[in-house]
Amino acid sequence: QVQLVESGGGLVQPGGSLTLSCAASGSIFSFNSMGWFRQAPGKERELVATITRAGSTNYADSVKGRFAISRNIAKKTVYLQMNSLKPEDTAVYYCNAVQLAAGRDVDYWGQGTQVTVSS
């Protein structure tokens, strides 16, 4: 059973920084991709950033130049460095992993971590 455990959320002032971590229960090479999504109150969950097994990254336009996704393979952990945070970045952030199983992609999710950007 795949488990993803997020940490690092909290309250930060506009312009500040936070780093989120997502620790996987197994090798992150077992996943086709890993990433971060977020969901603000009253809104749908949206993609923030992803990283493939090969290391290619993808970002939502709203976070390009401010957020960076990275990984530590030995620690089985994916990170989201968030800089220049804005109030509109306030949301629950979820870690996601996609694994190929029986010929189809299977999504796994963490429990979520709250990020609040406010003065």
PDB file of N, CA and C in Angstrom:
ATOM      1  N   GLN A   1       0.841  -1.180   0.000  1.00  0.00           N
ATOM      2  CA  GLN A   1       0.000   0.000   0.000  1.00  0.00           C
ATOM      3  C   GLN A   1       0.884   1.240   0.000  1.00  0.00           C
ATOM      4  N   VAL A   2       0.660   2.111  -0.964  1.00  0.00           N
ATOM      5  CA  VAL A   2       1.434   3.340  -1.062  1.00  0.00           C
ATOM      6  C   VAL A   2       0.937   4.348  -0.046  1.00  0.00           C
ATOM      7  N   GLN A   3       1.861   4.952   0.663  1.00  0.00           N
ATOM      8  CA  GLN A   3       1.517   6.026   1.587  1.00  0.00           C
ATOM      9  C   GLN A   3       2.347   7.257   1.265  1.00  0.00           C
ATOM     10  N   LEU A   4       1.684   8.390   1.276  1.00  0.00           N
ATOM     11  CA  LEU A   4       2.341   9.673   1.056  1.00  0.00           C
ATOM     12  C   LEU A   4       2.042  10.549   2.259  1.00  0.00           C
ATOM     13  N   VAL A   5       3.068  11.091   2.867  1.00  0.00           N
ATOM     14  CA  VAL A   5       2.889  11.903   4.066  1.00  0.00           C
ATOM     15  C   VAL A   5       3.484  13.277   3.832  1.00  0.00           C
ATOM     16  N   GLU A   6       2.613  14.294   3.855  1.00  0.00           N
ATOM     17  CA  GLU A   6       3.054  15.676   3.639  1.00  0.00           C
ATOM     18  C   GLU A   6       3.404  16.335   4.972  1.00  0.00           C
ATOM     19  N   SER A   7       4.261  17.324   4.884  1.00  0.00           N
ATOM     20  CA  SER A   7       4.584  18.151   6.042  1.00  0.00           C
ATOM     21  C   SER A   7       5.097  19.492   5.532  1.00  0.00           C
ATOM     22  N   GLY A   8       5.129  20.471   6.444  1.00  0.00           N
ATOM     23  CA  GLY A   8       5.725  21.752   6.110  1.00  0.00           C
ATOM     24  C   GLY A   8       4.766  22.903   5.903  1.00  0.00           C
ATOM     25  N   GLY A   9       3.469  22.635   5.959  1.00  0.00           N
ATOM     26  CA  GLY A   9       2.507  23.718   5.805  1.00  0.00           C
ATOM     27  C   GLY A   9       2.493  24.633   7.009  1.00  0.00           C
ATOM     28  N   GLY A  10       1.751  25.727   6.879  1.00  0.00           N
ATOM     29  CA  GLY A  10       1.656  26.658   7.996  1.00  0.00           C
ATOM     30  C   GLY A  10       1.180  28.018   7.558  1.00  0.00           C
ATOM     31  N   LEU A  11       1.334  28.970   8.448  1.00  0.00           N
ATOM     32  CA  LEU A  11       0.939  30.359   8.201  1.00  0.00           C
ATOM     33  C   LEU A  11       2.177  31.174   7.858  1.00  0.00           C
ATOM     34  N   VAL A  12       2.091  31.932   6.778  1.00  0.00           N
ATOM     35  CA  VAL A  12       3.214  32.759   6.348  1.00  0.00           C
ATOM     36  C   VAL A  12       2.688  34.079   5.823  1.00  0.00           C
ATOM     37  N   GLN A  13       3.479  35.128   5.962  1.00  0.00           N
ATOM     38  CA  GLN A  13       3.070  36.434   5.471  1.00  0.00           C
ATOM     39  C   GLN A  13       3.272  36.526   3.964  1.00  0.00           C
ATOM     40  N   PRO A  14       2.522  37.381   3.300  1.00  0.00           N
ATOM     41  CA  PRO A  14       2.749  37.596   1.866  1.00  0.00           C
ATOM     42  C   PRO A  14       4.209  37.950   1.592  1.00  0.00           C
ATOM     43  N   GLY A  15       4.736  37.344   0.536  1.00  0.00           N
ATOM     44  CA  GLY A  15       6.139  37.539   0.200  1.00  0.00           C
ATOM     45  C   GLY A  15       7.067  36.549   0.854  1.00  0.00           C
ATOM     46  N   GLY A  16       6.548  35.769   1.777  1.00  0.00           N
ATOM     47  CA  GLY A  16       7.362  34.799   2.495  1.00  0.00           C
ATOM     48  C   GLY A  16       7.554  33.503   1.729  1.00  0.00           C
ATOM     49  N   SER A  17       8.211  32.555   2.399  1.00  0.00           N
ATOM     50  CA  SER A  17       8.543  31.273   1.775  1.00  0.00           C
ATOM     51  C   SER A  17       8.169  30.112   2.689  1.00  0.00           C
ATOM     52  N   LEU A  18       7.867  28.994   2.071  1.00  0.00           N
ATOM     53  CA  LEU A  18       7.626  27.738   2.776  1.00  0.00           C
ATOM     54  C   LEU A  18       8.145  26.611   1.903  1.00  0.00           C
ATOM     55  N   THR A  19       8.544  25.518   2.557  1.00  0.00           N
ATOM     56  CA  THR A  19       8.915  24.316   1.830  1.00  0.00           C
ATOM     57  C   THR A  19       8.054  23.162   2.308  1.00  0.00           C
ATOM     58  N   LEU A  20       7.344  22.541   1.378  1.00  0.00           N
ATOM     59  CA  LEU A  20       6.543  21.363   1.673  1.00  0.00           C
ATOM     60  C   LEU A  20       7.345  20.107   1.344  1.00  0.00           C
ATOM     61  N   SER A  21       7.125  19.067   2.130  1.00  0.00           N
ATOM     62  CA  SER A  21       7.782  17.780   1.892  1.00  0.00           C
ATOM     63  C   SER A  21       6.735  16.692   1.763  1.00  0.00           C
ATOM     64  N   CYS A  22       7.016  15.717   0.922  1.00  0.00           N
ATOM     65  CA  CYS A  22       6.138  14.565   0.746  1.00  0.00           C
ATOM     66  C   CYS A  22       7.005  13.317   0.798  1.00  0.00           C
ATOM     67  N   ALA A  23       6.836  12.545   1.852  1.00  0.00           N
ATOM     68  CA  ALA A  23       7.621  11.325   2.032  1.00  0.00           C
ATOM     69  C   ALA A  23       6.800  10.135   1.568  1.00  0.00           C
ATOM     70  N   ALA A  24       7.388   9.348   0.669  1.00  0.00           N
ATOM     71  CA  ALA A  24       6.705   8.165   0.133  1.00  0.00           C
ATOM     72  C   ALA A  24       7.134   6.917   0.899  1.00  0.00           C
ATOM     73  N   SER A  25       6.236   5.928   0.911  1.00  0.00           N
ATOM     74  CA  SER A  25       6.527   4.699   1.650  1.00  0.00           C
ATOM     75  C   SER A  25       7.456   3.763   0.887  1.00  0.00           C
ATOM     76  N   GLY A  26       7.603   3.999  -0.410  1.00  0.00           N
ATOM     77  CA  GLY A  26       8.487   3.159  -1.195  1.00  0.00           C
ATOM     78  C   GLY A  26       9.360   3.994  -2.099  1.00  0.00           C
ATOM     79  N   SER A  27      10.092   3.327  -2.970  1.00  0.00           N
ATOM     80  CA  SER A  27      10.969   4.054  -3.885  1.00  0.00           C
ATOM     81  C   SER A  27      10.160   4.974  -4.785  1.00  0.00           C
ATOM     82  N   ILE A  28      10.614   6.225  -4.909  1.00  0.00           N
ATOM     83  CA  ILE A  28       9.869   7.146  -5.767  1.00  0.00           C
ATOM     84  C   ILE A  28      10.071   6.817  -7.243  1.00  0.00           C
ATOM     85  N   PHE A  29      11.016   5.936  -7.542  1.00  0.00           N
ATOM     86  CA  PHE A  29      11.175   5.489  -8.921  1.00  0.00           C
ATOM     87  C   PHE A  29      10.058   4.524  -9.328  1.00  0.00           C
ATOM     88  N   SER A  30       9.267   4.054  -8.369  1.00  0.00           N
ATOM     89  CA  SER A  30       8.143   3.191  -8.709  1.00  0.00           C
ATOM     90  C   SER A  30       6.978   3.987  -9.288  1.00  0.00           C
ATOM     91  N   PHE A  31       7.082   5.308  -9.224  1.00  0.00           N
ATOM     92  CA  PHE A  31       6.007   6.177  -9.718  1.00  0.00           C
ATOM     93  C   PHE A  31       6.382   6.785 -11.068  1.00  0.00           C
ATOM     94  N   ASN A  32       5.417   6.853 -11.972  1.00  0.00           N
ATOM     95  CA  ASN A  32       5.644   7.534 -13.246  1.00  0.00           C
ATOM     96  C   ASN A  32       5.880   9.010 -13.023  1.00  0.00           C
ATOM     97  N   SER A  33       5.170   9.564 -12.055  1.00  0.00           N
ATOM     98  CA  SER A  33       5.346  10.972 -11.722  1.00  0.00           C
ATOM     99  C   SER A  33       4.880  11.215 -10.299  1.00  0.00           C
ATOM    100  N   MET A  34       5.363  12.302  -9.743  1.00  0.00           N
ATOM    101  CA  MET A  34       4.879  12.794  -8.454  1.00  0.00           C
ATOM    102  C   MET A  34       4.643  14.277  -8.579  1.00  0.00           C
ATOM    103  N   GLY A  35       3.801  14.794  -7.701  1.00  0.00           N
ATOM    104  CA  GLY A  35       3.524  16.208  -7.835  1.00  0.00           C
ATOM    105  C   GLY A  35       2.740  16.769  -6.673  1.00  0.00           C
ATOM    106  N   TRP A  36       2.419  18.023  -6.823  1.00  0.00           N
ATOM    107  CA  TRP A  36       1.646  18.756  -5.825  1.00  0.00           C
ATOM    108  C   TRP A  36       0.419  19.365  -6.486  1.00  0.00           C
ATOM    109  N   PHE A  37      -0.706  19.225  -5.812  1.00  0.00           N
ATOM    110  CA  PHE A  37      -1.956  19.853  -6.201  1.00  0.00           C
ATOM    111  C   PHE A  37      -2.424  20.684  -5.016  1.00  0.00           C
ATOM    112  N   ARG A  38      -3.347  21.583  -5.271  1.00  0.00           N
ATOM    113  CA  ARG A  38      -3.896  22.367  -4.165  1.00  0.00           C
ATOM    114  C   ARG A  38      -5.381  22.607  -4.382  1.00  0.00           C
ATOM    115  N   GLN A  39      -6.063  22.819  -3.275  1.00  0.00           N
ATOM    116  CA  GLN A  39      -7.498  23.094  -3.333  1.00  0.00           C
ATOM    117  C   GLN A  39      -7.827  24.182  -2.332  1.00  0.00           C
ATOM    118  N   ALA A  40      -8.319  25.290  -2.872  1.00  0.00           N
ATOM    119  CA  ALA A  40      -8.761  26.405  -2.045  1.00  0.00           C
ATOM    120  C   ALA A  40     -10.250  26.237  -1.742  1.00  0.00           C
ATOM    121  N   PRO A  41     -10.740  26.865  -0.678  1.00  0.00           N
ATOM    122  CA  PRO A  41     -12.161  26.732  -0.330  1.00  0.00           C
ATOM    123  C   PRO A  41     -13.059  27.144  -1.486  1.00  0.00           C
ATOM    124  N   GLY A  42     -14.004  26.294  -1.811  1.00  0.00           N
ATOM    125  CA  GLY A  42     -14.951  26.608  -2.868  1.00  0.00           C
ATOM    126  C   GLY A  42     -14.429  26.434  -4.279  1.00  0.00           C
ATOM    127  N   LYS A  43     -13.207  25.929  -4.403  1.00  0.00           N
ATOM    128  CA  LYS A  43     -12.605  25.756  -5.726  1.00  0.00           C
ATOM    129  C   LYS A  43     -12.229  24.297  -5.958  1.00  0.00           C
ATOM    130  N   GLU A  44     -12.021  23.961  -7.211  1.00  0.00           N
ATOM    131  CA  GLU A  44     -11.610  22.611  -7.554  1.00  0.00           C
ATOM    132  C   GLU A  44     -10.111  22.434  -7.283  1.00  0.00           C
ATOM    133  N   ARG A  45      -9.736  21.178  -7.093  1.00  0.00           N
ATOM    134  CA  ARG A  45      -8.323  20.873  -6.916  1.00  0.00           C
ATOM    135  C   ARG A  45      -7.589  21.161  -8.224  1.00  0.00           C
ATOM    136  N   GLU A  46      -6.427  21.801  -8.122  1.00  0.00           N
ATOM    137  CA  GLU A  46      -5.677  22.159  -9.314  1.00  0.00           C
ATOM    138  C   GLU A  46      -4.223  21.734  -9.197  1.00  0.00           C
ATOM    139  N   LEU A  47      -3.634  21.475 -10.357  1.00  0.00           N
ATOM    140  CA  LEU A  47      -2.237  21.092 -10.400  1.00  0.00           C
ATOM    141  C   LEU A  47      -1.348  22.281 -10.070  1.00  0.00           C
ATOM    142  N   VAL A  48      -0.316  22.041  -9.265  1.00  0.00           N
ATOM    143  CA  VAL A  48       0.659  23.075  -8.954  1.00  0.00           C
ATOM    144  C   VAL A  48       1.977  22.774  -9.675  1.00  0.00           C
ATOM    145  N   ALA A  49       2.498  21.565  -9.466  1.00  0.00           N
ATOM    146  CA  ALA A  49       3.779  21.196 -10.073  1.00  0.00           C
ATOM    147  C   ALA A  49       3.910  19.682 -10.088  1.00  0.00           C
ATOM    148  N   THR A  50       4.594  19.173 -11.109  1.00  0.00           N
ATOM    149  CA  THR A  50       4.856  17.739 -11.186  1.00  0.00           C
ATOM    150  C   THR A  50       6.302  17.495 -11.588  1.00  0.00           C
ATOM    151  N   ILE A  51       6.780  16.291 -11.251  1.00  0.00           N
ATOM    152  CA  ILE A  51       8.102  15.853 -11.664  1.00  0.00           C
ATOM    153  C   ILE A  51       7.993  14.397 -12.087  1.00  0.00           C
ATOM    154  N   THR A  52       8.520  14.092 -13.270  1.00  0.00           N
ATOM    155  CA  THR A  52       8.422  12.726 -13.780  1.00  0.00           C
ATOM    156  C   THR A  52       9.581  11.880 -13.261  1.00  0.00           C
ATOM    157  N   ARG A  53       9.488  10.575 -13.543  1.00  0.00           N
ATOM    158  CA  ARG A  53      10.556   9.673 -13.133  1.00  0.00           C
ATOM    159  C   ARG A  53      11.889  10.110 -13.738  1.00  0.00           C
ATOM    160  N   ALA A  54      11.831  10.645 -14.951  1.00  0.00           N
ATOM    161  CA  ALA A  54      13.048  11.105 -15.632  1.00  0.00           C
ATOM    162  C   ALA A  54      13.544  12.445 -15.101  1.00  0.00           C
ATOM    163  N   GLY A  55      12.731  13.102 -14.285  1.00  0.00           N
ATOM    164  CA  GLY A  55      13.164  14.375 -13.718  1.00  0.00           C
ATOM    165  C   GLY A  55      12.621  15.610 -14.400  1.00  0.00           C
ATOM    166  N   SER A  56      11.760  15.417 -15.397  1.00  0.00           N
ATOM    167  CA  SER A  56      11.161  16.582 -16.062  1.00  0.00           C
ATOM    168  C   SER A  56      10.111  17.212 -15.148  1.00  0.00           C
ATOM    169  N   THR A  57      10.070  18.523 -15.170  1.00  0.00           N
ATOM    170  CA  THR A  57       9.147  19.244 -14.295  1.00  0.00           C
ATOM    171  C   THR A  57       8.121  20.028 -15.098  1.00  0.00           C
ATOM    172  N   ASN A  58       7.002  20.293 -14.458  1.00  0.00           N
ATOM    173  CA  ASN A  58       5.916  21.053 -15.077  1.00  0.00           C
ATOM    174  C   ASN A  58       5.254  21.881 -13.985  1.00  0.00           C
ATOM    175  N   TYR A  59       4.896  23.126 -14.332  1.00  0.00           N
ATOM    176  CA  TYR A  59       4.315  24.030 -13.340  1.00  0.00           C
ATOM    177  C   TYR A  59       3.052  24.690 -13.877  1.00  0.00           C
ATOM    178  N   ALA A  60       2.144  24.997 -12.976  1.00  0.00           N
ATOM    179  CA  ALA A  60       1.012  25.842 -13.320  1.00  0.00           C
ATOM    180  C   ALA A  60       1.534  27.241 -13.614  1.00  0.00           C
ATOM    181  N   ASP A  61       0.891  27.923 -14.544  1.00  0.00           N
ATOM    182  CA  ASP A  61       1.340  29.264 -14.908  1.00  0.00           C
ATOM    183  C   ASP A  61       1.363  30.195 -13.693  1.00  0.00           C
ATOM    184  N   SER A  62       0.432  29.979 -12.778  1.00  0.00           N
ATOM    185  CA  SER A  62       0.299  30.878 -11.635  1.00  0.00           C
ATOM    186  C   SER A  62       1.468  30.785 -10.653  1.00  0.00           C
ATOM    187  N   VAL A  63       2.270  29.722 -10.751  1.00  0.00           N
ATOM    188  CA  VAL A  63       3.379  29.560  -9.801  1.00  0.00           C
ATOM    189  C   VAL A  63       4.744  29.558 -10.476  1.00  0.00           C
ATOM    190  N   LYS A  64       4.781  29.623 -11.781  1.00  0.00           N
ATOM    191  CA  LYS A  64       6.064  29.623 -12.489  1.00  0.00           C
ATOM    192  C   LYS A  64       6.940  30.778 -12.030  1.00  0.00           C
ATOM    193  N   GLY A  65       8.193  30.466 -11.769  1.00  0.00           N
ATOM    194  CA  GLY A  65       9.133  31.477 -11.319  1.00  0.00           C
ATOM    195  C   GLY A  65       9.109  31.709  -9.817  1.00  0.00           C
ATOM    196  N   ARG A  66       8.103  31.144  -9.135  1.00  0.00           N
ATOM    197  CA  ARG A  66       8.016  31.320  -7.673  1.00  0.00           C
ATOM    198  C   ARG A  66       8.168  29.992  -6.931  1.00  0.00           C
ATOM    199  N   PHE A  67       7.672  28.918  -7.514  1.00  0.00           N
ATOM    200  CA  PHE A  67       7.707  27.598  -6.869  1.00  0.00           C
ATOM    201  C   PHE A  67       8.707  26.706  -7.601  1.00  0.00           C
ATOM    202  N   ALA A  68       9.273  25.768  -6.865  1.00  0.00           N
ATOM    203  CA  ALA A  68      10.180  24.794  -7.466  1.00  0.00           C
ATOM    204  C   ALA A  68       9.949  23.422  -6.844  1.00  0.00           C
ATOM    205  N   ILE A  69       9.768  22.429  -7.707  1.00  0.00           N
ATOM    206  CA  ILE A  69       9.604  21.047  -7.239  1.00  0.00           C
ATOM    207  C   ILE A  69      10.943  20.337  -7.389  1.00  0.00           C
ATOM    208  N   SER A  70      11.267  19.523  -6.401  1.00  0.00           N
ATOM    209  CA  SER A  70      12.516  18.764  -6.452  1.00  0.00           C
ATOM    210  C   SER A  70      12.325  17.456  -5.700  1.00  0.00           C
ATOM    211  N   ARG A  71      13.359  16.612  -5.735  1.00  0.00           N
ATOM    212  CA  ARG A  71      13.235  15.324  -5.054  1.00  0.00           C
ATOM    213  C   ARG A  71      14.584  14.883  -4.498  1.00  0.00           C
ATOM    214  N   ASN A  72      14.511  14.062  -3.476  1.00  0.00           N
ATOM    215  CA  ASN A  72      15.686  13.394  -2.930  1.00  0.00           C
ATOM    216  C   ASN A  72      15.378  11.902  -2.995  1.00  0.00           C
ATOM    217  N   ILE A  73      15.995  11.230  -3.955  1.00  0.00           N
ATOM    218  CA  ILE A  73      15.659   9.829  -4.206  1.00  0.00           C
ATOM    219  C   ILE A  73      15.996   8.957  -3.010  1.00  0.00           C
ATOM    220  N   ALA A  74      17.140   9.209  -2.383  1.00  0.00           N
ATOM    221  CA  ALA A  74      17.567   8.399  -1.240  1.00  0.00           C
ATOM    222  C   ALA A  74      16.592   8.528  -0.070  1.00  0.00           C
ATOM    223  N   LYS A  75      16.038   9.734   0.103  1.00  0.00           N
ATOM    224  CA  LYS A  75      15.106   9.971   1.207  1.00  0.00           C
ATOM    225  C   LYS A  75      13.671   9.670   0.803  1.00  0.00           C
ATOM    226  N   LYS A  76      13.448   9.286  -0.466  1.00  0.00           N
ATOM    227  CA  LYS A  76      12.101   8.984  -0.968  1.00  0.00           C
ATOM    228  C   LYS A  76      11.159  10.150  -0.713  1.00  0.00           C
ATOM    229  N   THR A  77      11.639  11.350  -0.981  1.00  0.00           N
ATOM    230  CA  THR A  77      10.891  12.555  -0.649  1.00  0.00           C
ATOM    231  C   THR A  77      10.882  13.522  -1.818  1.00  0.00           C
ATOM    232  N   VAL A  78       9.726  14.137  -2.033  1.00  0.00           N
ATOM    233  CA  VAL A  78       9.564  15.191  -3.022  1.00  0.00           C
ATOM    234  C   VAL A  78       9.260  16.487  -2.271  1.00  0.00           C
ATOM    235  N   TYR A  79       9.828  17.581  -2.761  1.00  0.00           N
ATOM    236  CA  TYR A  79       9.690  18.865  -2.086  1.00  0.00           C
ATOM    237  C   TYR A  79       9.002  19.877  -3.000  1.00  0.00           C
ATOM    238  N   LEU A  80       8.393  20.870  -2.372  1.00  0.00           N
ATOM    239  CA  LEU A  80       7.870  22.023  -3.101  1.00  0.00           C
ATOM    240  C   LEU A  80       8.355  23.265  -2.365  1.00  0.00           C
ATOM    241  N   GLN A  81       9.323  23.934  -2.972  1.00  0.00           N
ATOM    242  CA  GLN A  81       9.823  25.191  -2.424  1.00  0.00           C
ATOM    243  C   GLN A  81       8.935  26.305  -2.959  1.00  0.00           C
ATOM    244  N   MET A  82       8.323  27.053  -2.045  1.00  0.00           N
ATOM    245  CA  MET A  82       7.392  28.108  -2.436  1.00  0.00           C
ATOM    246  C   MET A  82       7.942  29.452  -1.961  1.00  0.00           C
ATOM    247  N   ASN A  83       8.207  30.331  -2.916  1.00  0.00           N
ATOM    248  CA  ASN A  83       8.731  31.660  -2.623  1.00  0.00           C
ATOM    249  C   ASN A  83       7.738  32.728  -3.080  1.00  0.00           C
ATOM    250  N   SER A  84       7.931  33.925  -2.585  1.00  0.00           N
ATOM    251  CA  SER A  84       7.083  35.063  -2.972  1.00  0.00           C
ATOM    252  C   SER A  84       5.605  34.694  -2.863  1.00  0.00           C
ATOM    253  N   LEU A  85       5.247  34.119  -1.753  1.00  0.00           N
ATOM    254  CA  LEU A  85       3.876  33.634  -1.587  1.00  0.00           C
ATOM    255  C   LEU A  85       2.872  34.770  -1.581  1.00  0.00           C
ATOM    256  N   LYS A  86       1.709  34.486  -2.147  1.00  0.00           N
ATOM    257  CA  LYS A  86       0.617  35.449  -2.258  1.00  0.00           C
ATOM    258  C   LYS A  86      -0.605  34.914  -1.509  1.00  0.00           C
ATOM    259  N   PRO A  87      -1.501  35.795  -1.105  1.00  0.00           N
ATOM    260  CA  PRO A  87      -2.723  35.317  -0.439  1.00  0.00           C
ATOM    261  C   PRO A  87      -3.494  34.295  -1.274  1.00  0.00           C
ATOM    262  N   GLU A  88      -3.435  34.431  -2.585  1.00  0.00           N
ATOM    263  CA  GLU A  88      -4.151  33.487  -3.445  1.00  0.00           C
ATOM    264  C   GLU A  88      -3.503  32.112  -3.501  1.00  0.00           C
ATOM    265  N   ASP A  89      -2.344  31.952  -2.883  1.00  0.00           N
ATOM    266  CA  ASP A  89      -1.729  30.635  -2.764  1.00  0.00           C
ATOM    267  C   ASP A  89      -2.298  29.848  -1.578  1.00  0.00           C
ATOM    268  N   THR A  90      -3.127  30.495  -0.793  1.00  0.00           N
ATOM    269  CA  THR A  90      -3.743  29.834   0.350  1.00  0.00           C
ATOM    270  C   THR A  90      -4.610  28.670  -0.117  1.00  0.00           C
ATOM    271  N   ALA A  91      -4.335  27.493   0.426  1.00  0.00           N
ATOM    272  CA  ALA A  91      -5.055  26.285   0.025  1.00  0.00           C
ATOM    273  C   ALA A  91      -4.545  25.104   0.846  1.00  0.00           C
ATOM    274  N   VAL A  92      -5.246  23.991   0.713  1.00  0.00           N
ATOM    275  CA  VAL A  92      -4.709  22.719   1.195  1.00  0.00           C
ATOM    276  C   VAL A  92      -3.888  22.129   0.054  1.00  0.00           C
ATOM    277  N   TYR A  93      -2.654  21.793   0.346  1.00  0.00           N
ATOM    278  CA  TYR A  93      -1.752  21.248  -0.666  1.00  0.00           C
ATOM    279  C   TYR A  93      -1.656  19.730  -0.494  1.00  0.00           C
ATOM    280  N   TYR A  94      -1.841  19.033  -1.609  1.00  0.00           N
ATOM    281  CA  TYR A  94      -1.840  17.573  -1.591  1.00  0.00           C
ATOM    282  C   TYR A  94      -0.684  17.036  -2.432  1.00  0.00           C
ATOM    283  N   CYS A  95      -0.029  16.039  -1.889  1.00  0.00           N
ATOM    284  CA  CYS A  95       0.979  15.320  -2.648  1.00  0.00           C
ATOM    285  C   CYS A  95       0.297  14.232  -3.473  1.00  0.00           C
ATOM    286  N   ASN A  96       0.772  14.044  -4.683  1.00  0.00           N
ATOM    287  CA  ASN A  96       0.200  13.055  -5.599  1.00  0.00           C
ATOM    288  C   ASN A  96       1.299  12.186  -6.182  1.00  0.00           C
ATOM    289  N   ALA A  97       0.990  10.909  -6.363  1.00  0.00           N
ATOM    290  CA  ALA A  97       1.907  10.005  -7.049  1.00  0.00           C
ATOM    291  C   ALA A  97       1.102   9.154  -8.017  1.00  0.00           C
ATOM    292  N   VAL A  98       1.639   8.945  -9.198  1.00  0.00           N
ATOM    293  CA  VAL A  98       0.970   8.152 -10.225  1.00  0.00           C
ATOM    294  C   VAL A  98       1.815   6.916 -10.500  1.00  0.00           C
ATOM    295  N   GLN A  99       1.183   5.765 -10.374  1.00  0.00           N
ATOM    296  CA  GLN A  99       1.873   4.489 -10.548  1.00  0.00           C
ATOM    297  C   GLN A  99       1.134   3.661 -11.576  1.00  0.00           C
ATOM    298  N   LEU A 100       1.887   3.042 -12.469  1.00  0.00           N
ATOM    299  CA  LEU A 100       1.288   2.160 -13.462  1.00  0.00           C
ATOM    300  C   LEU A 100       1.032   0.800 -12.819  1.00  0.00           C
ATOM    301  N   ALA A 101      -0.223   0.371 -12.865  1.00  0.00           N
ATOM    302  CA  ALA A 101      -0.587  -0.916 -12.278  1.00  0.00           C
ATOM    303  C   ALA A 101      -1.626  -1.588 -13.170  1.00  0.00           C
ATOM    304  N   ALA A 102      -1.359  -2.818 -13.555  1.00  0.00           N
ATOM    305  CA  ALA A 102      -2.278  -3.582 -14.401  1.00  0.00           C
ATOM    306  C   ALA A 102      -2.646  -2.800 -15.654  1.00  0.00           C
ATOM    307  N   GLY A 103      -1.670  -2.114 -16.223  1.00  0.00           N
ATOM    308  CA  GLY A 103      -1.882  -1.423 -17.477  1.00  0.00           C
ATOM    309  C   GLY A 103      -2.586  -0.088 -17.396  1.00  0.00           C
ATOM    310  N   ARG A 104      -2.814   0.407 -16.203  1.00  0.00           N
ATOM    311  CA  ARG A 104      -3.458   1.711 -16.095  1.00  0.00           C
ATOM    312  C   ARG A 104      -2.788   2.517 -14.991  1.00  0.00           C
ATOM    313  N   ASP A 105      -2.935   3.851 -15.095  1.00  0.00           N
ATOM    314  CA  ASP A 105      -2.378   4.740 -14.084  1.00  0.00           C
ATOM    315  C   ASP A 105      -3.263   4.748 -12.841  1.00  0.00           C
ATOM    316  N   VAL A 106      -2.621   4.641 -11.704  1.00  0.00           N
ATOM    317  CA  VAL A 106      -3.326   4.692 -10.428  1.00  0.00           C
ATOM    318  C   VAL A 106      -2.799   5.888  -9.646  1.00  0.00           C
ATOM    319  N   ASP A 107      -3.708   6.719  -9.161  1.00  0.00           N
ATOM    320  CA  ASP A 107      -3.340   7.905  -8.391  1.00  0.00           C
ATOM    321  C   ASP A 107      -3.349   7.600  -6.901  1.00  0.00           C
ATOM    322  N   TYR A 108      -2.320   8.096  -6.226  1.00  0.00           N
ATOM    323  CA  TYR A 108      -2.274   8.046  -4.769  1.00  0.00           C
ATOM    324  C   TYR A 108      -2.166   9.474  -4.249  1.00  0.00           C
ATOM    325  N   TRP A 109      -2.786   9.717  -3.081  1.00  0.00           N
ATOM    326  CA  TRP A 109      -2.834  11.062  -2.516  1.00  0.00           C
ATOM    327  C   TRP A 109      -2.408  11.043  -1.053  1.00  0.00           C
ATOM    328  N   GLY A 110      -1.772  12.126  -0.653  1.00  0.00           N
ATOM    329  CA  GLY A 110      -1.503  12.337   0.745  1.00  0.00           C
ATOM    330  C   GLY A 110      -2.714  12.934   1.424  1.00  0.00           C
ATOM    331  N   GLN A 111      -2.592  13.197   2.715  1.00  0.00           N
ATOM    332  CA  GLN A 111      -3.732  13.690   3.502  1.00  0.00           C
ATOM    333  C   GLN A 111      -3.913  15.193   3.367  1.00  0.00           C
ATOM    334  N   GLY A 112      -2.919  15.878   2.831  1.00  0.00           N
ATOM    335  CA  GLY A 112      -3.012  17.321   2.648  1.00  0.00           C
ATOM    336  C   GLY A 112      -2.377  18.095   3.790  1.00  0.00           C
ATOM    337  N   THR A 113      -1.855  19.257   3.447  1.00  0.00           N
ATOM    338  CA  THR A 113      -1.285  20.153   4.453  1.00  0.00           C
ATOM    339  C   THR A 113      -1.727  21.580   4.130  1.00  0.00           C
ATOM    340  N   GLN A 114      -2.165  22.285   5.151  1.00  0.00           N
ATOM    341  CA  GLN A 114      -2.724  23.632   4.960  1.00  0.00           C
ATOM    342  C   GLN A 114      -1.618  24.663   4.825  1.00  0.00           C
ATOM    343  N   VAL A 115      -1.740  25.489   3.811  1.00  0.00           N
ATOM    344  CA  VAL A 115      -0.865  26.649   3.636  1.00  0.00           C
ATOM    345  C   VAL A 115      -1.750  27.891   3.654  1.00  0.00           C
ATOM    346  N   THR A 116      -1.460  28.806   4.555  1.00  0.00           N
ATOM    347  CA  THR A 116      -2.217  30.043   4.670  1.00  0.00           C
ATOM    348  C   THR A 116      -1.263  31.217   4.523  1.00  0.00           C
ATOM    349  N   VAL A 117      -1.554  32.073   3.555  1.00  0.00           N
ATOM    350  CA  VAL A 117      -0.732  33.263   3.307  1.00  0.00           C
ATOM    351  C   VAL A 117      -1.563  34.471   3.703  1.00  0.00           C
ATOM    352  N   SER A 118      -1.152  35.102   4.773  1.00  0.00           N
ATOM    353  CA  SER A 118      -1.940  36.207   5.310  1.00  0.00           C
ATOM    354  C   SER A 118      -1.070  37.073   6.199  1.00  0.00           C
ATOM    355  N   SER A 119      -1.389  38.374   6.204  1.00  0.00           N
ATOM    356  CA  SER A 119      -0.681  39.288   7.102  1.00  0.00           C
ATOM    357  C   SER A 119      -1.439  39.438   8.410  1.00  0.00           C
TER     358      SER A 119
END
